[in-house]
Amino acid sequence: MMDGFTRHLEQTLEAIRAEGLYKSEMVIGSAQQAEVTVSGRTMVNLCANNYLGLANDPEVVAASVAALEAYGSGMASVRFICGTHDLHKQLEQTVARYLEKDDAVLFGSCFDANGGIFETLLGPEDAIISDSLNHASIIDGVRLSKARRYRFATSDMDDLRLQLQAADDDGARFKLIVTDGVFSMDGFIARLPEICDLAEEYKAAILIDECHATGHLGEKGRGTPALTGVGNRVDIISGTFGKTLGGAMGGFIAGPAAVVDLLRQRARPYLFSNALPPAVVAGAIKAIEIAERADDRRAILDRHTKRFRAALAEAGFDLVPGETPIIPVMLHDAGRAQAMAQALRDAGVLVSAFSFPVVPKGEARIRTQMSAGLSDDNLTFAIDAFLRVGRQLGVV
């Protein structure tokens, strides 16, 4: 029965390879940090979401190890069946306090958080107005909802107004505007002050995905609301512990108490997934504690970001404009992006090529990401490699 189906899958894979879109995993034989070991070689790492360098921080590791020894490897069930550790409650309270929200609830990942929130909160009488470049988890979560769907062009406030008006004209009961705080493939920041103004005008709520912001952007690392000065005008925040806040796994929703309470009762990814492992939870608590007082790390991160962006721009690379530690180097052609990524890896710089379906066709790129864990020497090495490889391949 599987023969014909398997042949079909193999042909699909062959077509993916022929288009230069096949993705291979790089096997790292060391901790996630500024320099990693790949196939026995030490490489400067420019492709991790480890913005503050906390993934292998000694304090985070020590907290995780202590929790593993005290609580074991996990709950072996979902929280409402076998109970929940005091650590889980402590992390939820820590997130809520840190982001200045009423409460927070944990998920196995932010993908799960975004996948479970829309169908839980909104019905067919309601409307979701979503930025067209939102993360795949938001897109999938919106699809699971019975709410009416409206999409606005990225950061286009005139289009957002049109979609809000369309939702009103269609008789929407409640409206929810959804956007990434930082767009992960491009690195630019949502226009939150204007979004908040329109939300207030049209009596809409706002949800932002802060996966690439919480911990390293804004005052005390509180993310794009702090960075852009909108504060608590944003109603609901989804985020992760898998990037800046420890680099392990897990996600959360922070917001009004009623939102969080209802998610505990009805969000399917919460109800039907195991609780986060104690080691992950304790590591995330420690990571937030460090991030809150990490102005020194944020200053290093900002310095690296400006230096790397300026060096590549001066050399003639095509960069997506922005101010965050995400610096996409545009190659446009998938094959060319893969060739450059491989040449950079050969030169000792770990990067990844991004192509369809992760980004639209014709927008293939190498997404570089800065980290406070990188040294000035690491950055010099990486810049020199980019310039040398870029010239060899005719990119600059």
Protein backbone atom coordinates (compact mmCIF):
# COMPACT_ATOMS: atom_id res chain seq x y z
CA MET A 1 0.00 0.00 0.00
CA MET A 2 2.87 2.40 0.73
CA ASP A 3 4.86 1.82 -2.50
CA GLY A 4 3.08 4.39 -4.66
CA PHE A 5 2.82 6.86 -1.80
CA THR A 6 6.52 6.52 -0.96
CA ARG A 7 7.48 7.07 -4.62
CA HIS A 8 5.33 10.19 -4.63
CA LEU A 9 7.11 11.50 -1.53
CA GLU A 10 10.53 10.73 -3.04
CA GLN A 11 9.60 12.65 -6.20
CA THR A 12 8.49 15.59 -4.07
CA LEU A 13 11.83 15.55 -2.25
CA GLU A 14 13.71 15.38 -5.56
CA ALA A 15 11.81 18.44 -6.76
CA ILE A 16 12.68 20.30 -3.55
CA ARG A 17 16.36 19.48 -4.07
CA ALA A 18 16.21 20.53 -7.74
CA GLU A 19 14.84 23.93 -6.75
CA GLY A 20 17.66 24.42 -4.24
CA LEU A 21 15.15 24.45 -1.37
CA TYR A 22 16.24 21.29 0.48
CA LYS A 23 17.15 21.98 4.09
CA SER A 24 19.83 20.03 5.93
CA GLU A 25 20.46 20.07 9.67
CA MET A 26 23.89 20.96 11.03
CA VAL A 27 24.89 18.68 13.89
CA ILE A 28 26.47 20.66 16.74
CA GLY A 29 28.70 18.77 19.14
CA SER A 30 28.97 21.45 21.81
CA ALA A 31 26.83 23.76 23.91
CA GLN A 32 24.97 26.56 22.14
CA GLN A 33 27.30 29.54 22.49
CA ALA A 34 29.38 32.07 20.54
CA GLU A 35 31.71 29.37 19.21
CA VAL A 36 30.29 25.93 18.50
CA THR A 37 31.72 22.63 17.29
CA VAL A 38 30.36 21.29 14.01
CA SER A 39 31.85 18.07 12.62
CA GLY A 40 34.88 18.57 14.80
CA ARG A 41 35.45 22.16 13.66
CA THR A 42 35.09 25.26 15.82
CA MET A 43 32.90 27.89 14.17
CA VAL A 44 31.71 31.40 15.04
CA ASN A 45 27.96 31.13 15.49
CA LEU A 46 25.79 33.74 13.77
CA CYS A 47 22.57 31.78 13.43
CA ALA A 48 21.30 31.28 16.99
CA ASN A 49 18.51 33.17 18.75
CA ASN A 50 20.82 33.38 21.77
CA TYR A 51 20.63 37.17 21.94
CA LEU A 52 21.95 37.68 25.48
CA GLY A 53 24.23 34.64 25.44
CA LEU A 54 22.24 32.86 28.18
CA ALA A 55 21.87 29.43 26.55
CA ASN A 56 25.06 28.21 28.25
CA ASP A 57 25.24 30.76 31.05
CA PRO A 58 26.64 29.14 34.24
CA GLU A 59 23.85 30.54 36.43
CA VAL A 60 21.15 29.24 34.10
CA VAL A 61 22.81 25.84 33.85
CA ALA A 62 23.21 25.61 37.64
CA ALA A 63 19.53 26.46 38.20
CA SER A 64 18.49 23.82 35.67
CA VAL A 65 20.70 21.14 37.21
CA ALA A 66 19.43 21.89 40.72
CA ALA A 67 15.81 21.57 39.56
CA LEU A 68 16.56 18.31 37.75
CA GLU A 69 18.03 16.86 40.93
CA ALA A 70 15.18 18.13 43.12
CA TYR A 71 12.18 17.41 40.88
CA GLY A 72 13.32 14.78 38.40
CA SER A 73 12.91 14.92 34.65
CA GLY A 74 9.23 15.77 34.44
CA MET A 75 5.59 15.41 35.50
CA ALA A 76 4.82 12.54 33.09
CA SER A 77 1.45 14.10 32.34
CA VAL A 78 -0.50 17.27 31.75
CA ARG A 79 -0.87 19.72 34.60
CA PHE A 80 -4.59 19.39 35.35
CA ILE A 81 -4.32 15.59 35.70
CA CYS A 82 -1.15 15.04 37.74
CA GLY A 83 -0.79 18.43 39.34
CA THR A 84 1.73 21.14 38.73
CA HIS A 85 5.05 21.95 40.35
CA ASP A 86 5.49 25.08 42.41
CA LEU A 87 8.18 25.96 39.87
CA HIS A 88 5.56 26.22 37.12
CA LYS A 89 3.52 28.67 39.19
CA GLN A 90 6.67 30.62 40.06
CA LEU A 91 7.63 30.98 36.39
CA GLU A 92 4.11 32.12 35.46
CA GLN A 93 4.17 34.73 38.21
CA THR A 94 7.66 35.82 37.14
CA VAL A 95 6.58 36.28 33.52
CA ALA A 96 3.46 38.22 34.52
CA ARG A 97 5.43 40.53 36.82
CA TYR A 98 8.22 41.00 34.27
CA LEU A 99 5.84 41.92 31.46
CA GLU A 100 3.51 43.85 33.77
CA LYS A 101 0.44 41.71 33.09
CA ASP A 102 -2.19 40.21 35.41
CA ASP A 103 -1.17 36.60 34.86
CA ALA A 104 0.58 34.18 32.51
CA VAL A 105 0.18 30.55 31.45
CA LEU A 106 2.88 28.18 30.16
CA PHE A 107 2.84 26.11 26.97
CA GLY A 108 5.21 23.57 25.48
CA SER A 109 6.28 26.16 22.91
CA CYS A 110 5.19 29.54 21.63
CA PHE A 111 3.98 27.70 18.53
CA ASP A 112 1.56 25.90 20.87
CA ALA A 113 0.64 29.15 22.60
CA ASN A 114 -0.20 30.85 19.30
CA GLY A 115 -1.87 27.69 18.07
CA GLY A 116 -4.24 27.53 21.02
CA ILE A 117 -5.22 31.08 21.82
CA PHE A 118 -7.42 32.16 18.90
CA GLU A 119 -9.89 29.27 18.88
CA THR A 120 -10.15 29.55 22.66
CA LEU A 121 -10.92 33.26 22.84
CA LEU A 122 -12.81 34.02 19.64
CA GLY A 123 -15.90 32.68 17.89
CA PRO A 124 -17.52 33.07 14.46
CA GLU A 125 -18.98 36.45 15.52
CA ASP A 126 -15.49 37.87 16.06
CA ALA A 127 -12.68 39.14 13.81
CA ILE A 128 -8.91 38.63 13.70
CA ILE A 129 -6.93 41.28 11.84
CA SER A 130 -3.47 39.83 11.23
CA ASP A 131 -0.28 41.26 9.73
CA SER A 132 0.58 39.51 6.46
CA LEU A 133 4.13 38.67 7.61
CA ASN A 134 3.17 37.15 10.95
CA HIS A 135 4.91 33.99 12.10
CA ALA A 136 3.69 30.62 10.84
CA SER A 137 2.41 29.75 14.33
CA ILE A 138 0.05 32.74 14.23
CA ILE A 139 -1.12 31.84 10.74
CA ASP A 140 -1.84 28.27 11.80
CA GLY A 141 -3.51 29.38 15.01
CA VAL A 142 -5.78 31.78 13.14
CA ARG A 143 -6.74 28.97 10.74
CA LEU A 144 -7.87 26.84 13.67
CA SER A 145 -10.20 29.58 14.84
CA LYS A 146 -13.76 30.06 13.63
CA ALA A 147 -13.33 33.83 13.76
CA ARG A 148 -13.53 35.92 10.60
CA ARG A 149 -10.10 36.61 9.14
CA TYR A 150 -8.75 39.88 7.82
CA ARG A 151 -5.17 40.51 6.75
CA PHE A 152 -3.31 43.81 6.44
CA ALA A 153 -0.10 44.52 4.56
CA THR A 154 2.92 44.54 6.84
CA SER A 155 3.23 47.77 8.81
CA ASP A 156 0.71 49.45 6.47
CA MET A 157 -1.47 51.48 8.80
CA ASP A 158 -3.82 52.61 6.04
CA ASP A 159 -4.52 48.98 5.20
CA LEU A 160 -4.96 48.14 8.88
CA ARG A 161 -7.58 50.88 9.12
CA LEU A 162 -9.36 49.48 6.04
CA GLN A 163 -9.44 45.98 7.54
CA LEU A 164 -10.69 47.23 10.91
CA GLN A 165 -13.44 49.14 9.15
CA ALA A 166 -14.28 46.05 7.08
CA ALA A 167 -14.60 44.03 10.27
CA ASP A 168 -16.92 46.67 11.70
CA ASP A 169 -18.96 46.76 8.51
CA ASP A 170 -19.31 42.98 8.69
CA GLY A 171 -20.71 43.28 12.21
CA ALA A 172 -17.82 41.79 14.17
CA ARG A 173 -18.56 41.45 17.88
CA PHE A 174 -14.95 41.65 19.08
CA LYS A 175 -11.83 42.51 17.08
CA LEU A 176 -8.27 41.33 17.77
CA ILE A 177 -5.26 42.84 15.98
CA VAL A 178 -2.35 40.38 15.82
CA THR A 179 1.25 41.18 14.92
CA ASP A 180 4.80 40.06 15.55
CA GLY A 181 6.64 42.54 17.75
CA VAL A 182 9.80 41.84 15.76
CA PHE A 183 9.40 40.14 12.40
CA SER A 184 11.76 37.21 12.64
CA MET A 185 12.81 36.89 9.00
CA ASP A 186 13.33 40.63 8.44
CA GLY A 187 14.28 42.00 11.83
CA PHE A 188 12.15 45.14 11.79
CA ILE A 189 9.77 46.24 14.53
CA ALA A 190 5.99 46.55 14.32
CA ARG A 191 4.61 50.09 14.32
CA LEU A 192 3.06 49.62 17.75
CA PRO A 193 2.21 53.25 18.64
CA GLU A 194 0.11 53.62 15.49
CA ILE A 195 -1.38 50.14 15.89
CA CYS A 196 -2.42 51.05 19.44
CA ASP A 197 -3.99 54.29 18.25
CA LEU A 198 -6.06 52.45 15.65
CA ALA A 199 -7.00 49.76 18.16
CA GLU A 200 -8.34 52.38 20.52
CA GLU A 201 -10.21 54.14 17.73
CA TYR A 202 -11.87 50.91 16.57
CA LYS A 203 -12.20 49.35 20.04
CA ALA A 204 -9.98 46.39 19.16
CA ALA A 205 -7.68 44.35 21.40
CA ILE A 206 -4.01 43.71 20.51
CA LEU A 207 -1.92 40.54 20.70
CA ILE A 208 1.79 40.63 19.87
CA ASP A 209 4.25 37.77 19.47
CA GLU A 210 7.41 38.81 21.33
CA CYS A 211 9.61 35.76 20.70
CA HIS A 212 12.39 37.85 19.12
CA ALA A 213 12.09 40.74 21.58
CA THR A 214 11.50 39.71 25.19
CA GLY A 215 14.69 39.86 27.23
CA HIS A 216 16.88 41.95 24.95
CA LEU A 217 14.81 44.86 23.61
CA GLY A 218 13.48 47.81 25.57
CA GLU A 219 13.97 48.87 29.17
CA LYS A 220 14.96 45.85 31.29
CA GLY A 221 14.38 43.72 28.20
CA ARG A 222 10.61 44.01 28.43
CA GLY A 223 10.31 43.91 24.64
CA THR A 224 8.80 46.06 21.94
CA PRO A 225 6.05 47.65 24.09
CA ALA A 226 8.80 49.08 26.33
CA LEU A 227 11.00 49.93 23.34
CA THR A 228 8.27 51.83 21.50
CA GLY A 229 6.70 53.44 24.56
CA VAL A 230 3.26 51.84 24.35
CA GLY A 231 3.50 50.00 27.67
CA ASN A 232 0.26 48.31 28.70
CA ARG A 233 -1.62 49.50 25.64
CA VAL A 234 -0.81 46.02 24.29
CA ASP A 235 -3.34 43.61 25.80
CA ILE A 236 -1.87 40.13 25.27
CA ILE A 237 1.72 38.95 24.76
CA SER A 238 2.90 35.58 23.53
CA GLY A 239 6.54 34.63 23.91
CA THR A 240 9.13 31.92 24.37
CA PHE A 241 11.88 30.67 26.66
CA GLY A 242 13.60 29.11 23.67
CA LYS A 243 15.46 32.20 22.52
CA THR A 244 16.74 35.03 24.74
CA LEU A 245 15.29 33.63 27.98
CA GLY A 246 17.51 30.58 28.37
CA GLY A 247 17.40 29.03 24.92
CA ALA A 248 15.68 25.78 25.95
CA MET A 249 11.99 25.49 25.06
CA GLY A 250 8.53 26.51 26.18
CA GLY A 251 6.18 29.38 25.53
CA PHE A 252 3.69 31.55 27.35
CA ILE A 253 0.71 33.83 27.07
CA ALA A 254 0.64 36.86 29.38
CA GLY A 255 -2.35 39.13 29.68
CA PRO A 256 -5.60 39.83 31.54
CA ALA A 257 -6.56 37.30 34.20
CA ALA A 258 -9.72 36.27 32.33
CA VAL A 259 -7.74 35.49 29.18
CA VAL A 260 -5.26 33.34 31.09
CA ASP A 261 -7.96 31.57 33.10
CA LEU A 262 -9.92 30.65 29.99
CA LEU A 263 -6.77 29.33 28.29
CA ARG A 264 -6.20 27.04 31.28
CA GLN A 265 -9.74 25.68 30.83
CA ARG A 266 -9.95 25.33 27.06
CA ALA A 267 -6.68 25.79 25.18
CA ARG A 268 -6.05 22.39 23.60
CA PRO A 269 -2.22 22.58 23.48
CA TYR A 270 -2.26 23.32 27.23
CA LEU A 271 -4.80 20.65 28.13
CA PHE A 272 -3.29 17.86 26.05
CA SER A 273 0.48 18.43 26.35
CA ASN A 274 2.90 17.50 29.10
CA ALA A 275 4.01 20.17 31.54
CA LEU A 276 7.38 21.80 30.88
CA PRO A 277 10.31 19.89 32.46
CA PRO A 278 11.45 21.34 35.82
CA ALA A 279 14.99 21.93 34.52
CA VAL A 280 13.61 24.11 31.70
CA VAL A 281 11.33 26.02 34.07
CA ALA A 282 14.08 26.76 36.60
CA GLY A 283 16.46 27.81 33.85
CA ALA A 284 13.88 30.22 32.45
CA ILE A 285 13.25 31.75 35.89
CA LYS A 286 16.98 32.38 36.28
CA ALA A 287 17.24 33.71 32.72
CA ILE A 288 14.51 36.30 33.36
CA GLU A 289 16.26 37.32 36.56
CA ILE A 290 19.49 37.88 34.62
CA ALA A 291 17.77 39.57 31.67
CA GLU A 292 16.08 42.12 33.90
CA ARG A 293 19.42 43.46 35.09
CA ALA A 294 21.40 42.80 31.88
CA ASP A 295 21.92 46.36 30.64
CA ASP A 296 25.58 45.49 30.11
CA ARG A 297 24.71 42.59 27.83
CA ARG A 298 22.16 44.66 25.95
CA ALA A 299 24.80 47.35 25.37
CA ILE A 300 27.21 44.76 23.94
CA LEU A 301 24.46 43.35 21.75
CA ASP A 302 23.62 46.80 20.42
CA ARG A 303 27.29 47.54 19.71
CA HIS A 304 27.74 44.26 17.82
CA THR A 305 24.55 44.88 15.83
CA LYS A 306 25.59 48.34 14.69
CA ARG A 307 29.15 47.26 13.88
CA PHE A 308 28.18 44.20 11.85
CA ARG A 309 25.42 46.00 9.95
CA ALA A 310 27.68 48.96 9.12
CA ALA A 311 30.54 46.74 7.92
CA LEU A 312 28.36 44.69 5.58
CA ALA A 313 26.46 47.70 4.28
CA GLU A 314 29.72 49.50 3.52
CA ALA A 315 30.96 46.44 1.61
CA GLY A 316 27.86 46.54 -0.60
CA PHE A 317 25.74 43.68 0.75
CA ASP A 318 21.98 43.96 0.28
CA LEU A 319 20.62 44.20 3.83
CA VAL A 320 17.05 44.50 5.08
CA PRO A 321 16.89 47.82 6.97
CA GLY A 322 16.40 47.53 10.71
CA GLU A 323 17.73 48.11 14.19
CA THR A 324 17.36 44.73 15.89
CA PRO A 325 20.03 41.99 16.20
CA ILE A 326 18.45 40.20 13.22
CA ILE A 327 20.40 41.26 10.12
CA PRO A 328 19.20 39.52 6.92
CA VAL A 329 21.68 39.42 4.02
CA MET A 330 19.59 39.19 0.86
CA LEU A 331 20.67 36.84 -1.94
CA HIS A 332 17.18 36.46 -3.49
CA ASP A 333 18.04 33.18 -5.29
CA ALA A 334 17.76 30.03 -3.14
CA GLY A 335 20.69 28.27 -4.77
CA ARG A 336 22.91 31.30 -4.38
CA ALA A 337 21.94 31.66 -0.73
CA GLN A 338 22.76 28.02 -0.04
CA ALA A 339 26.09 28.32 -1.87
CA MET A 340 27.10 31.35 0.17
CA ALA A 341 26.00 29.77 3.44
CA GLN A 342 28.11 26.71 2.66
CA ALA A 343 31.12 28.84 1.71
CA LEU A 344 30.82 30.77 4.98
CA ARG A 345 30.63 27.53 6.94
CA ASP A 346 33.75 26.35 5.11
CA ALA A 347 35.35 29.61 6.23
CA GLY A 348 34.42 28.96 9.86
CA VAL A 349 31.20 31.00 10.26
CA LEU A 350 28.01 29.11 11.08
CA VAL A 351 25.06 30.58 9.17
CA SER A 352 21.91 29.22 7.55
CA ALA A 353 20.26 30.01 4.25
CA PHE A 354 16.52 30.74 4.32
CA SER A 355 14.38 30.11 1.28
CA PHE A 356 10.82 29.16 0.34
CA PRO A 357 8.58 28.24 2.15
CA VAL A 358 10.23 29.91 5.16
CA VAL A 359 10.40 33.16 3.17
CA PRO A 360 8.59 34.08 -0.07
CA LYS A 361 10.07 32.89 -3.37
CA GLY A 362 12.64 35.35 -4.69
CA GLU A 363 13.52 36.54 -1.18
CA ALA A 364 16.13 33.93 -0.20
CA ARG A 365 18.61 35.18 2.35
CA ILE A 366 21.15 34.43 5.02
CA ARG A 367 19.70 35.61 8.32
CA THR A 368 22.50 36.60 10.66
CA GLN A 369 21.85 37.17 14.35
CA MET A 370 24.01 38.95 16.84
CA SER A 371 24.59 37.81 20.41
CA ALA A 372 26.01 39.49 23.49
CA GLY A 373 28.01 36.28 23.90
CA LEU A 374 30.11 37.07 20.83
CA SER A 375 33.49 38.68 21.40
CA ASP A 376 34.88 41.55 19.33
CA ASP A 377 37.35 39.04 17.83
CA ASN A 378 34.45 36.74 16.87
CA LEU A 379 32.81 39.63 15.06
CA THR A 380 36.01 40.63 13.27
CA PHE A 381 36.45 37.04 12.10
CA ALA A 382 32.85 36.87 10.84
CA ILE A 383 33.00 40.23 9.03
CA ASP A 384 36.25 39.27 7.30
CA ALA A 385 34.72 35.96 6.20
CA PHE A 386 31.61 37.65 4.80
CA LEU A 387 33.66 40.13 2.82
CA ARG A 388 36.01 37.46 1.48
CA VAL A 389 33.25 35.00 0.52
CA GLY A 390 31.03 37.74 -0.85
CA ARG A 391 33.78 38.84 -3.23
CA GLN A 392 34.62 35.29 -4.27
CA LEU A 393 31.00 34.57 -5.18
CA GLY A 394 30.40 37.94 -6.83
CA VAL A 395 27.81 38.97 -4.28
CA VAL A 396 29.65 42.26 -3.63
